[in-house]
Amino acid sequence: MRLVTAEEMQQADRAATVEYGIPGIVLMENAGQAVVQQAEAMLGDLCGKKAAVFCGGGNNGGDGLVAARHLHNRGCEVRLYFLTDPEIFRGDALANYQILNNMGVSGFQLSEGSRLNVARMALWSSDIAIDAIFGTGLRDDVRDITLSVIQMLNESDTPVISCDIPSGLSSTTGRPLGGAVKADVTVAFGFCKLGLVLPQAKPYVGRLVVADISIPNQVEESLPVRRELVDEAFCRRWLGIREAESYKGDFGHVAVLAGSPSMPGAAILAARGAMKAGAGRLSAALPSAVRTPFIAQLPESMLIPVSDGENGCVALENIKALSEFAADSWLIGPGMGRDPQTLEMIREFLPLLRTPAVLDADALFAVCGHLRLLKKANAPLVITPHPGEMAKLLGVSVNDVQANRVAVAEGFAKQTNVVVVLKGAGTVIATPEGRIFVNETGNPGMATGGSGDVLAGMVATLLAQGMVPAVAAACAVWLHGRAGDIAVERGGVAGLLAGDIAEAVPAAWKSINR
């Protein structure tokens, strides 16, 4: 599903009206009807029901006016409230305002005081409320009467349907601008807006519906939109069913450089993630202290002969042999530690890579201050930082990263020529070419040690199977989140372990091929 900005949506509307001759009032009519359809889905027969409709002065208010007309025609008692002087309506919104007046449906302009209290009482006795105050073009914080109405809607028990976007929510970041409506249903018109699928928007969006308002398919195809929601349909396009005559060589050979005496579990979890994601073969370069528990946990894997350094980790002298090892992808970093010798080894290994690689955990720490190693790499790289690691790479705070995760991931991918997987709720995948993917799966229980190691291994497997790095990362992230959701269904959020996620990966894969 495409994700658009407010500006891109305006381009689509303009193309539909100017290039294809669809009057704007037709698009507005379709938008308003889509809202009424959701009201019917929630309430059933609307005859005899009561609806409170709150309209701003722009086209979003016009969508609300269309909804009010169709609610009235279905026998619904409509209470119509304006947050600005209705005399400011122009164009299509004005035409719909005049139609309502001709039908004898009038409204009231709200202001602080008695009329607001009247609207509050009407809202509490209504069966449904329609939020048509602000659309996607909002840039400044809401205040005064608008903020009061938003708070009134949020304090009410009346179900709310928001037109296009909950009023007060940023269509780009998904964050409230001073305050935002907490909708039960949001009906996005034409295309889904980026902010609606970001995790910080979830308390406000409710159930998301993307309504077709008759924008031609050719308009969608011509939009320069490079953002997509990673959902089941996306993954089904790429993750197929294995052929009956397959053998292990068809599914990639993953090489893993991971682990240290103090963190043997990271290597095990990463390798388990890779194998549960379907790697045909896996070979691991491990310190001697990690090999026995590793093979005990993963007897299906193989070991790459390496020697230990003075620090008990894989020694620098192994680099040439590792660079010549025949594998389809590499996973580097989980649990390797931050000893200076280990960090030096990682930095010297990166320029020698000739196959796609995933850099995770301590490999990311190794390149802090050495970002040129990423940009000059001779093989495609996927990095998988959590917000803290991303902040360290950029030299900023975690709050700076979390304030606009999409922009941060996009900028770093372009700067360093790598695919960025910025982990967290609503994981963002960004490519050097400017493509953005936002994941829809996962849950808070996955915020647990080792979860990222499992994901890194899964990405390495899909890389080894020949997937384009961006698609490999996006599909692995979705599968990882889906596996976490399945694990929660089995045992609950509290106490979810990374190993539980890995064990659920085959079920996650099966869920898209059912």
Protein backbone atom coordinates (compact mmCIF):
# COMPACT_ATOMS: atom_id res chain seq x y z
CA MET A 1 0.00 0.00 0.00
CA ARG A 2 1.38 3.38 -1.03
CA LEU A 3 2.06 5.98 1.64
CA VAL A 4 1.82 9.61 0.56
CA THR A 5 2.55 13.02 2.02
CA ALA A 6 0.03 15.85 2.02
CA GLU A 7 1.82 17.42 -0.93
CA GLU A 8 1.73 14.20 -2.94
CA MET A 9 -1.98 13.81 -2.20
CA GLN A 10 -2.54 17.34 -3.50
CA GLN A 11 -0.68 16.37 -6.68
CA ALA A 12 -2.96 13.36 -7.09
CA ASP A 13 -6.10 15.45 -6.58
CA ARG A 14 -4.83 18.04 -9.05
CA ALA A 15 -4.01 15.40 -11.66
CA ALA A 16 -7.45 13.81 -11.27
CA THR A 17 -9.22 17.12 -11.80
CA VAL A 18 -6.95 18.82 -14.35
CA GLU A 19 -5.61 15.93 -16.44
CA TYR A 20 -8.61 13.60 -16.27
CA GLY A 21 -11.42 16.10 -15.91
CA ILE A 22 -12.93 14.71 -12.71
CA PRO A 23 -14.59 17.66 -10.94
CA GLY A 24 -13.31 18.21 -7.42
CA ILE A 25 -16.88 18.14 -6.15
CA VAL A 26 -17.13 14.51 -7.35
CA LEU A 27 -14.06 13.56 -5.31
CA MET A 28 -15.55 15.35 -2.32
CA GLU A 29 -18.86 13.57 -2.83
CA ASN A 30 -17.15 10.18 -2.89
CA ALA A 31 -15.15 11.04 0.22
CA GLY A 32 -18.23 12.05 2.20
CA GLN A 33 -20.13 8.94 1.12
CA ALA A 34 -17.21 6.75 2.23
CA VAL A 35 -17.53 8.24 5.72
CA VAL A 36 -21.27 7.52 5.80
CA GLN A 37 -20.63 3.93 4.73
CA GLN A 38 -18.42 3.51 7.78
CA ALA A 39 -21.12 5.03 9.98
CA GLU A 40 -23.57 2.45 8.61
CA ALA A 41 -21.03 -0.31 9.23
CA MET A 42 -20.78 0.81 12.86
CA LEU A 43 -24.44 1.60 13.60
CA GLY A 44 -26.47 -0.35 11.07
CA ASP A 45 -29.62 1.42 9.89
CA LEU A 46 -29.05 5.15 10.41
CA CYS A 47 -32.72 6.11 10.46
CA GLY A 48 -33.56 7.57 13.85
CA LYS A 49 -29.91 7.85 14.90
CA LYS A 50 -28.24 11.10 15.93
CA ALA A 51 -24.99 12.42 14.47
CA ALA A 52 -22.82 15.36 15.49
CA VAL A 53 -20.75 16.70 12.59
CA PHE A 54 -17.88 19.11 13.26
CA CYS A 55 -16.60 21.01 10.23
CA GLY A 56 -13.61 23.26 9.67
CA GLY A 57 -13.51 25.88 6.95
CA GLY A 58 -11.55 24.03 4.26
CA ASN A 59 -12.14 21.05 1.97
CA ASN A 60 -12.04 18.66 4.93
CA GLY A 61 -15.03 20.57 6.23
CA GLY A 62 -16.59 20.12 2.80
CA ASP A 63 -16.18 16.34 3.15
CA GLY A 64 -18.05 16.64 6.45
CA LEU A 65 -20.84 18.61 4.77
CA VAL A 66 -21.30 15.84 2.21
CA ALA A 67 -21.43 13.30 5.03
CA ALA A 68 -23.99 15.44 6.86
CA ARG A 69 -26.23 15.54 3.76
CA HIS A 70 -26.19 11.77 3.28
CA LEU A 71 -26.75 11.16 6.99
CA HIS A 72 -29.78 13.48 6.83
CA ASN A 73 -31.11 11.68 3.75
CA ARG A 74 -30.88 8.36 5.60
CA GLY A 75 -33.13 9.66 8.33
CA CYS A 76 -30.40 10.56 10.77
CA GLU A 77 -30.83 13.63 13.01
CA VAL A 78 -27.79 15.76 12.13
CA ARG A 79 -26.33 18.31 14.55
CA LEU A 80 -23.95 20.42 12.47
CA TYR A 81 -21.24 22.60 14.05
CA PHE A 82 -18.76 24.96 12.41
CA LEU A 83 -15.43 25.87 13.96
CA THR A 84 -15.08 28.92 11.69
CA ASP A 85 -17.52 31.31 10.08
CA PRO A 86 -19.22 29.24 7.32
CA GLU A 87 -19.08 32.33 5.13
CA ILE A 88 -15.42 31.48 4.44
CA PHE A 89 -16.34 28.32 2.51
CA ARG A 90 -15.19 28.46 -1.10
CA GLY A 91 -15.47 26.28 -4.19
CA ASP A 92 -16.73 22.72 -3.68
CA ALA A 93 -17.16 23.16 0.07
CA LEU A 94 -19.28 26.26 -0.51
CA ALA A 95 -21.47 24.39 -3.02
CA ASN A 96 -22.13 21.66 -0.45
CA TYR A 97 -22.84 24.23 2.25
CA GLN A 98 -25.43 25.88 -0.01
CA ILE A 99 -27.03 22.51 -0.81
CA LEU A 100 -27.47 21.81 2.91
CA ASN A 101 -29.00 25.25 3.42
CA ASN A 102 -31.42 24.60 0.57
CA MET A 103 -32.36 21.32 2.27
CA GLY A 104 -33.07 23.15 5.51
CA VAL A 105 -30.11 21.64 7.35
CA SER A 106 -28.49 24.43 9.33
CA GLY A 107 -25.59 24.51 11.74
CA PHE A 108 -24.08 26.60 14.46
CA GLN A 109 -20.74 28.36 14.65
CA LEU A 110 -18.99 27.35 17.85
CA SER A 111 -17.23 29.67 20.23
CA GLU A 112 -16.05 29.36 23.80
CA GLY A 113 -18.99 29.53 26.18
CA SER A 114 -22.61 28.53 25.98
CA ARG A 115 -22.66 27.21 22.40
CA LEU A 116 -19.70 24.94 23.15
CA ASN A 117 -21.58 23.60 26.17
CA VAL A 118 -24.64 22.99 24.00
CA ALA A 119 -22.49 21.10 21.49
CA ARG A 120 -20.99 19.09 24.35
CA MET A 121 -24.42 17.99 25.52
CA ALA A 122 -25.48 17.19 21.95
CA LEU A 123 -22.33 15.15 21.44
CA TRP A 124 -22.95 13.07 24.55
CA SER A 125 -26.44 12.17 23.29
CA SER A 126 -25.29 11.40 19.74
CA ASP A 127 -24.75 7.93 18.29
CA ILE A 128 -21.83 9.00 16.08
CA ALA A 129 -19.54 12.00 15.66
CA ILE A 130 -17.87 13.07 12.42
CA ASP A 131 -14.53 14.85 12.68
CA ALA A 132 -14.10 17.05 9.59
CA ILE A 133 -12.18 19.89 11.20
CA PHE A 134 -8.69 19.71 9.71
CA GLY A 135 -7.26 17.68 6.84
CA THR A 136 -3.69 16.76 5.96
CA GLY A 137 -2.47 20.31 5.39
CA LEU A 138 -2.24 21.25 9.08
CA ARG A 139 1.20 22.59 10.03
CA ASP A 140 0.71 24.66 13.22
CA ASP A 141 -0.42 23.56 16.66
CA VAL A 142 -4.16 23.59 17.26
CA ARG A 143 -5.38 26.02 19.90
CA ASP A 144 -8.35 27.98 21.25
CA ILE A 145 -11.80 26.74 20.18
CA THR A 146 -10.37 23.99 17.97
CA LEU A 147 -8.39 22.50 20.84
CA SER A 148 -11.46 22.72 23.06
CA VAL A 149 -13.55 20.80 20.52
CA ILE A 150 -10.84 18.15 20.09
CA GLN A 151 -10.70 17.68 23.86
CA MET A 152 -14.48 17.51 23.97
CA LEU A 153 -14.52 14.75 21.34
CA ASN A 154 -11.84 12.81 23.20
CA GLU A 155 -13.67 13.07 26.53
CA SER A 156 -16.91 11.82 25.01
CA ASP A 157 -17.93 8.17 24.79
CA THR A 158 -19.48 8.82 21.37
CA PRO A 159 -17.71 6.90 18.55
CA VAL A 160 -15.78 9.22 16.23
CA ILE A 161 -15.08 8.87 12.51
CA SER A 162 -12.31 11.15 11.24
CA CYS A 163 -12.34 12.38 7.65
CA ASP A 164 -8.99 11.61 5.97
CA ILE A 165 -6.93 12.10 9.16
CA PRO A 166 -7.73 12.73 12.83
CA SER A 167 -7.82 16.50 13.20
CA GLY A 168 -4.66 17.82 14.80
CA LEU A 169 -2.47 14.88 13.70
CA SER A 170 0.57 15.52 11.49
CA SER A 171 0.19 13.65 8.21
CA THR A 172 4.00 13.37 7.99
CA THR A 173 5.17 12.41 11.48
CA GLY A 174 1.98 10.93 12.93
CA ARG A 175 2.37 13.11 16.03
CA PRO A 176 -0.30 15.42 17.43
CA LEU A 177 0.17 19.13 16.81
CA GLY A 178 -0.86 20.48 20.17
CA GLY A 179 -3.70 17.96 20.38
CA ALA A 180 -5.47 15.49 18.10
CA VAL A 181 -8.76 13.66 17.85
CA LYS A 182 -8.71 10.06 19.06
CA ALA A 183 -10.86 8.49 16.37
CA ASP A 184 -12.48 5.08 16.44
CA VAL A 185 -12.24 4.94 12.64
CA THR A 186 -10.18 7.03 10.25
CA VAL A 187 -11.28 7.05 6.61
CA ALA A 188 -8.28 8.07 4.47
CA PHE A 189 -9.32 9.36 1.07
CA GLY A 190 -7.59 8.08 -2.07
CA PHE A 191 -4.28 7.00 -0.57
CA CYS A 192 -2.99 6.32 2.91
CA LYS A 193 -1.06 9.21 4.44
CA LEU A 194 2.37 8.37 5.82
CA GLY A 195 1.67 9.63 9.33
CA LEU A 196 -1.35 7.35 9.74
CA VAL A 197 0.75 4.16 9.85
CA LEU A 198 3.51 5.39 12.13
CA PRO A 199 3.37 3.95 15.67
CA GLN A 200 2.87 7.26 17.43
CA ALA A 201 -0.38 7.74 15.47
CA LYS A 202 -1.99 4.50 16.69
CA PRO A 203 -3.78 6.03 19.71
CA TYR A 204 -5.44 8.53 17.38
CA VAL A 205 -6.20 6.66 14.15
CA GLY A 206 -8.25 3.75 15.45
CA ARG A 207 -9.28 1.41 12.65
CA LEU A 208 -7.81 2.64 9.37
CA VAL A 209 -9.86 2.47 6.19
CA VAL A 210 -8.49 3.65 2.84
CA ALA A 211 -11.42 4.67 0.65
CA ASP A 212 -11.45 4.75 -3.13
CA ILE A 213 -12.71 8.19 -4.19
CA SER A 214 -12.33 7.50 -7.94
CA ILE A 215 -8.82 8.83 -8.52
CA PRO A 216 -7.73 7.07 -11.75
CA ASN A 217 -5.18 4.27 -11.49
CA GLN A 218 -2.98 6.16 -13.94
CA VAL A 219 -2.61 8.95 -11.40
CA GLU A 220 -1.32 6.50 -8.80
CA GLU A 221 1.13 5.02 -11.27
CA SER A 222 2.49 8.44 -12.20
CA LEU A 223 3.04 9.67 -8.65
CA PRO A 224 6.70 9.90 -7.62
CA VAL A 225 5.88 8.05 -4.40
CA ARG A 226 8.56 5.73 -3.08
CA ARG A 227 6.99 4.78 0.24
CA GLU A 228 5.14 1.58 0.95
CA LEU A 229 3.53 -0.17 3.89
CA VAL A 230 5.03 -3.62 4.42
CA ASP A 231 2.04 -5.87 4.93
CA GLU A 232 1.02 -9.43 4.16
CA ALA A 233 0.22 -8.60 0.53
CA PHE A 234 3.67 -7.08 0.05
CA CYS A 235 5.42 -10.15 1.45
CA ARG A 236 3.29 -12.55 -0.55
CA ARG A 237 4.65 -10.97 -3.73
CA TRP A 238 8.18 -11.95 -2.75
CA LEU A 239 8.06 -14.95 -0.42
CA GLY A 240 6.91 -17.87 -2.50
CA ILE A 241 6.29 -21.54 -1.81
CA ARG A 242 9.27 -23.86 -2.25
CA GLU A 243 9.32 -26.01 -5.35
CA ALA A 244 8.94 -29.75 -4.87
CA GLU A 245 12.38 -30.48 -6.37
CA SER A 246 14.26 -27.94 -4.20
CA TYR A 247 17.47 -28.76 -2.36
CA LYS A 248 19.49 -26.92 0.27
CA GLY A 249 21.70 -25.21 -2.30
CA ASP A 250 18.66 -23.31 -3.56
CA PHE A 251 18.18 -21.46 -0.29
CA GLY A 252 21.46 -19.74 0.34
CA HIS A 253 24.56 -20.20 2.43
CA VAL A 254 24.77 -17.72 5.31
CA ALA A 255 28.11 -17.00 7.01
CA VAL A 256 28.03 -15.56 10.53
CA LEU A 257 30.82 -13.69 12.33
CA ALA A 258 29.55 -13.21 15.85
CA GLY A 259 29.89 -13.99 19.53
CA SER A 260 32.40 -13.50 22.32
CA PRO A 261 33.14 -15.31 25.58
CA SER A 262 30.80 -12.97 27.47
CA MET A 263 27.99 -12.99 24.87
CA PRO A 264 27.66 -16.45 23.31
CA GLY A 265 23.87 -16.22 23.09
CA ALA A 266 23.86 -13.46 20.46
CA ALA A 267 25.59 -15.70 17.91
CA ILE A 268 23.17 -18.54 18.68
CA LEU A 269 20.08 -16.36 18.35
CA ALA A 270 21.28 -14.75 15.13
CA ALA A 271 22.04 -18.12 13.59
CA ARG A 272 18.73 -19.52 14.76
CA GLY A 273 16.93 -16.60 13.16
CA ALA A 274 18.75 -17.27 9.90
CA MET A 275 17.98 -20.98 9.91
CA LYS A 276 14.35 -20.58 10.98
CA ALA A 277 13.94 -18.10 8.12
CA GLY A 278 14.93 -20.88 5.73
CA ALA A 279 18.68 -20.72 5.10
CA GLY A 280 19.85 -23.78 3.20
CA ARG A 281 23.19 -23.78 5.02
CA LEU A 282 24.84 -21.77 7.76
CA SER A 283 28.49 -21.54 8.73
CA ALA A 284 29.76 -19.60 11.72
CA ALA A 285 33.11 -18.08 12.60
CA LEU A 286 33.14 -18.09 16.40
CA PRO A 287 35.57 -17.76 19.30
CA SER A 288 36.51 -21.14 20.77
CA ALA A 289 34.53 -20.39 23.96
CA VAL A 290 31.30 -20.12 21.93
CA ARG A 291 31.62 -23.15 19.64
CA THR A 292 30.46 -25.90 21.99
CA PRO A 293 27.24 -24.20 23.17
CA PHE A 294 26.61 -23.04 19.60
CA ILE A 295 26.78 -26.52 18.09
CA ALA A 296 24.82 -27.94 21.01
CA GLN A 297 22.00 -25.52 20.22
CA LEU A 298 22.33 -25.67 16.41
CA PRO A 299 23.69 -29.06 15.32
CA GLU A 300 22.45 -28.28 11.80
CA SER A 301 25.08 -25.55 11.42
CA MET A 302 28.76 -25.69 10.47
CA LEU A 303 31.87 -24.00 11.85
CA ILE A 304 34.44 -21.93 10.00
CA PRO A 305 37.93 -22.69 11.41
CA VAL A 306 39.29 -19.52 13.05
CA SER A 307 41.81 -18.76 15.76
CA ASP A 308 41.32 -16.67 18.89
CA GLY A 309 43.10 -13.43 19.65
CA GLU A 310 44.46 -12.37 23.01
CA ASN A 311 41.04 -11.11 24.00
CA GLY A 312 39.42 -14.51 23.46
CA CYS A 313 37.54 -13.28 20.38
CA VAL A 314 38.11 -14.11 16.71
CA ALA A 315 41.60 -12.86 15.85
CA LEU A 316 42.45 -10.22 13.26
CA GLU A 317 44.69 -12.69 11.43
CA ASN A 318 41.62 -14.61 10.21
CA ILE A 319 40.41 -11.81 7.97
CA LYS A 320 41.94 -13.01 4.70
CA ALA A 321 40.55 -16.52 5.09
CA LEU A 322 37.13 -15.18 6.03
CA SER A 323 37.04 -12.85 3.04
CA GLU A 324 37.73 -15.83 0.77
CA PHE A 325 35.06 -18.03 2.37
CA ALA A 326 32.37 -19.02 -0.14
CA ALA A 327 29.05 -17.79 1.21
CA ASP A 328 26.03 -16.04 -0.30
CA SER A 329 25.74 -13.49 2.52
CA TRP A 330 27.45 -12.45 5.73
CA LEU A 331 26.08 -11.46 9.11
CA ILE A 332 28.59 -9.53 11.19
CA GLY A 333 28.44 -8.16 14.70
CA PRO A 334 26.02 -9.81 17.17
CA GLY A 335 27.70 -10.29 20.54
CA MET A 336 31.24 -9.67 19.27
CA GLY A 337 32.00 -7.13 21.98
CA ARG A 338 33.76 -3.77 21.80
CA ASP A 339 37.34 -4.70 22.52
CA PRO A 340 39.62 -2.46 20.38
CA GLN A 341 41.07 -5.50 18.59
CA THR A 342 37.60 -6.74 17.67
CA LEU A 343 36.51 -3.34 16.41
CA GLU A 344 39.66 -3.07 14.31
CA MET A 345 39.02 -6.50 12.86
CA ILE A 346 35.49 -5.53 11.81
CA ARG A 347 36.71 -2.32 10.20
CA GLU A 348 39.41 -4.14 8.22
CA PHE A 349 37.01 -6.90 7.17
CA LEU A 350 34.36 -4.62 5.65
CA PRO A 351 36.38 -3.46 2.60
CA LEU A 352 37.13 -7.10 1.76
CA LEU A 353 33.49 -8.17 1.53
CA ARG A 354 32.29 -9.20 -1.92
CA THR A 355 28.87 -10.62 -0.99
CA PRO A 356 25.90 -8.86 0.60
CA ALA A 357 26.21 -8.40 4.35
CA VAL A 358 24.17 -7.45 7.39
CA LEU A 359 25.87 -5.30 10.02
CA ASP A 360 24.33 -5.47 13.45
CA ALA A 361 25.12 -4.60 17.06
CA ASP A 362 28.89 -4.35 17.65
CA ALA A 363 29.60 -4.04 13.92
CA LEU A 364 27.63 -0.81 14.04
CA PHE A 365 29.66 0.40 17.00
CA ALA A 366 32.82 -0.37 15.04
CA VAL A 367 31.85 1.97 12.19
CA CYS A 368 30.91 4.91 14.44
CA GLY A 369 33.24 7.67 13.31
CA HIS A 370 34.21 5.59 10.26
CA LEU A 371 31.13 5.99 8.07
CA ARG A 372 33.30 6.15 4.97
CA LEU A 373 33.65 2.36 5.33
CA LEU A 374 29.95 2.04 4.62
CA LYS A 375 29.94 4.38 1.65
CA LYS A 376 33.01 2.76 0.08
CA ALA A 377 31.91 -0.85 0.61
CA ASN A 378 32.33 -3.20 -2.34
CA ALA A 379 29.21 -5.20 -1.48
CA PRO A 380 25.59 -4.28 -0.66
CA LEU A 381 25.18 -3.60 3.05
CA VAL A 382 22.13 -3.69 5.31
CA ILE A 383 22.48 -2.15 8.76
CA THR A 384 20.01 -2.90 11.55
CA PRO A 385 20.34 -0.27 14.31
CA HIS A 386 17.94 0.28 17.18
CA PRO A 387 17.32 3.96 18.04
CA GLY A 388 20.28 4.09 20.45
CA GLU A 389 22.66 2.72 17.84
CA MET A 390 21.28 5.07 15.21
CA ALA A 391 21.83 8.00 17.55
CA LYS A 392 25.42 6.86 18.14
CA LEU A 393 26.09 6.59 14.41
CA LEU A 394 24.78 10.12 13.83
CA GLY A 395 26.15 11.72 16.98
CA VAL A 396 22.70 12.88 18.09
CA SER A 397 20.28 12.02 20.90
CA VAL A 398 17.79 9.16 20.86
CA ASN A 399 15.02 11.77 21.06
CA ASP A 400 16.35 13.34 17.86
CA VAL A 401 16.12 9.96 16.14
CA GLN A 402 12.65 9.17 17.43
CA ALA A 403 11.27 12.62 16.58
CA ASN A 404 11.20 11.77 12.86
CA ARG A 405 12.32 8.20 12.27
CA VAL A 406 11.46 8.20 8.58
CA ALA A 407 13.57 11.27 7.80
CA VAL A 408 16.48 9.99 9.90
CA ALA A 409 16.56 6.59 8.20
CA GLU A 410 16.12 8.13 4.75
CA GLY A 411 18.91 10.63 5.27
CA PHE A 412 21.40 8.10 6.62
CA ALA A 413 20.71 5.63 3.81
CA LYS A 414 21.41 8.31 1.19
CA GLN A 415 24.49 9.55 3.03
CA THR A 416 26.16 6.15 3.43
CA ASN A 417 24.76 4.15 0.48
CA VAL A 418 23.41 1.37 2.70
CA VAL A 419 19.94 -0.03 3.39
CA VAL A 420 18.89 1.12 6.86
CA VAL A 421 16.59 -0.94 9.07
CA LEU A 422 15.72 1.44 11.91
CA LYS A 423 14.23 -0.93 14.45
CA GLY A 424 11.45 -0.21 16.91
CA ALA A 425 7.69 0.12 16.77
CA GLY A 426 6.86 0.65 13.10
CA THR A 427 10.33 -0.34 11.89
CA VAL A 428 11.44 1.87 8.99
CA ILE A 429 13.47 0.51 6.07
CA ALA A 430 15.20 3.10 3.88
CA THR A 431 17.31 2.71 0.74
CA PRO A 432 20.00 4.93 -0.81
CA GLU A 433 17.64 5.61 -3.73
CA GLY A 434 15.04 7.11 -1.39
CA ARG A 435 12.60 4.20 -1.11
CA ILE A 436 10.89 3.91 2.27
CA PHE A 437 9.10 0.93 3.78
CA VAL A 438 7.17 1.02 7.06
CA ASN A 439 6.35 -2.24 8.83
CA GLU A 440 2.93 -3.00 10.31
CA THR A 441 3.70 -6.09 12.45
CA GLY A 442 5.17 -6.52 15.92
CA ASN A 443 4.33 -5.75 19.54
CA PRO A 444 5.90 -4.33 22.73
CA GLY A 445 6.88 -7.79 23.97
CA MET A 446 9.55 -7.87 21.26
CA ALA A 447 11.51 -5.17 23.10
CA THR A 448 13.70 -7.83 24.65
CA GLY A 449 17.36 -8.79 24.50
CA GLY A 450 18.29 -10.85 21.45
CA SER A 451 15.24 -9.93 19.36
CA GLY A 452 17.44 -7.86 17.03
CA ASP A 453 19.92 -10.72 16.65
CA VAL A 454 17.12 -12.95 15.38
CA LEU A 455 16.07 -10.27 12.88
CA ALA A 456 19.63 -9.76 11.61
CA GLY A 457 19.90 -13.47 10.91
CA MET A 458 16.61 -13.44 9.02
CA VAL A 459 17.73 -10.56 6.82
CA ALA A 460 20.97 -12.42 6.07
CA THR A 461 19.00 -15.47 4.91
CA LEU A 462 16.86 -13.53 2.45
CA LEU A 463 19.98 -11.79 1.14
CA ALA A 464 21.61 -15.19 0.66
CA GLN A 465 18.59 -16.30 -1.35
CA GLY A 466 19.21 -13.54 -3.85
CA MET A 467 16.66 -10.96 -2.80
CA VAL A 468 17.33 -7.28 -3.48
CA PRO A 469 18.62 -5.87 -0.16
CA ALA A 470 15.70 -3.52 0.40
CA VAL A 471 13.13 -6.24 -0.23
CA ALA A 472 15.08 -8.75 1.85
CA ALA A 473 15.12 -6.32 4.74
CA ALA A 474 11.44 -5.38 4.42
CA CYS A 475 10.23 -8.98 4.20
CA ALA A 476 12.45 -10.10 7.07
CA VAL A 477 11.17 -7.27 9.26
CA TRP A 478 7.55 -8.19 8.52
CA LEU A 479 8.17 -11.90 9.18
CA HIS A 480 10.03 -11.08 12.39
CA GLY A 481 7.15 -8.91 13.62
CA ARG A 482 4.57 -11.49 12.60
CA ALA A 483 6.54 -14.16 14.44
CA GLY A 484 6.53 -11.93 17.52
CA ASP A 485 2.76 -11.53 17.21
CA ILE A 486 2.32 -15.30 16.94
CA ALA A 487 4.57 -15.82 19.96
CA VAL A 488 2.45 -13.37 21.96
CA GLU A 489 -0.71 -15.22 20.94
CA ARG A 490 0.88 -18.38 22.30
CA GLY A 491 2.22 -17.03 25.58
CA GLY A 492 1.48 -13.34 26.16
CA VAL A 493 3.54 -10.15 26.03
CA ALA A 494 5.26 -10.32 29.41
CA GLY A 495 8.23 -12.66 29.40
CA LEU A 496 8.45 -13.00 25.62
CA LEU A 497 11.96 -14.18 24.72
CA ALA A 498 13.95 -13.75 21.54
CA GLY A 499 14.05 -17.53 21.22
CA ASP A 500 10.24 -17.57 21.22
CA ILE A 501 10.28 -15.21 18.25
CA ALA A 502 12.74 -17.41 16.35
CA GLU A 503 10.64 -20.52 16.99
CA ALA A 504 7.57 -18.78 15.54
CA VAL A 505 9.25 -17.71 12.28
CA PRO A 506 8.17 -20.80 10.29
CA ALA A 507 4.57 -20.20 11.39
CA ALA A 508 4.88 -16.57 10.29
CA TRP A 509 6.10 -17.70 6.88
CA LYS A 510 3.29 -20.22 6.66
CA SER A 511 0.71 -17.51 7.43
CA ILE A 512 1.36 -15.75 4.11
CA ASN A 513 1.24 -18.96 2.07
CA ARG A 514 -1.91 -20.44 3.56
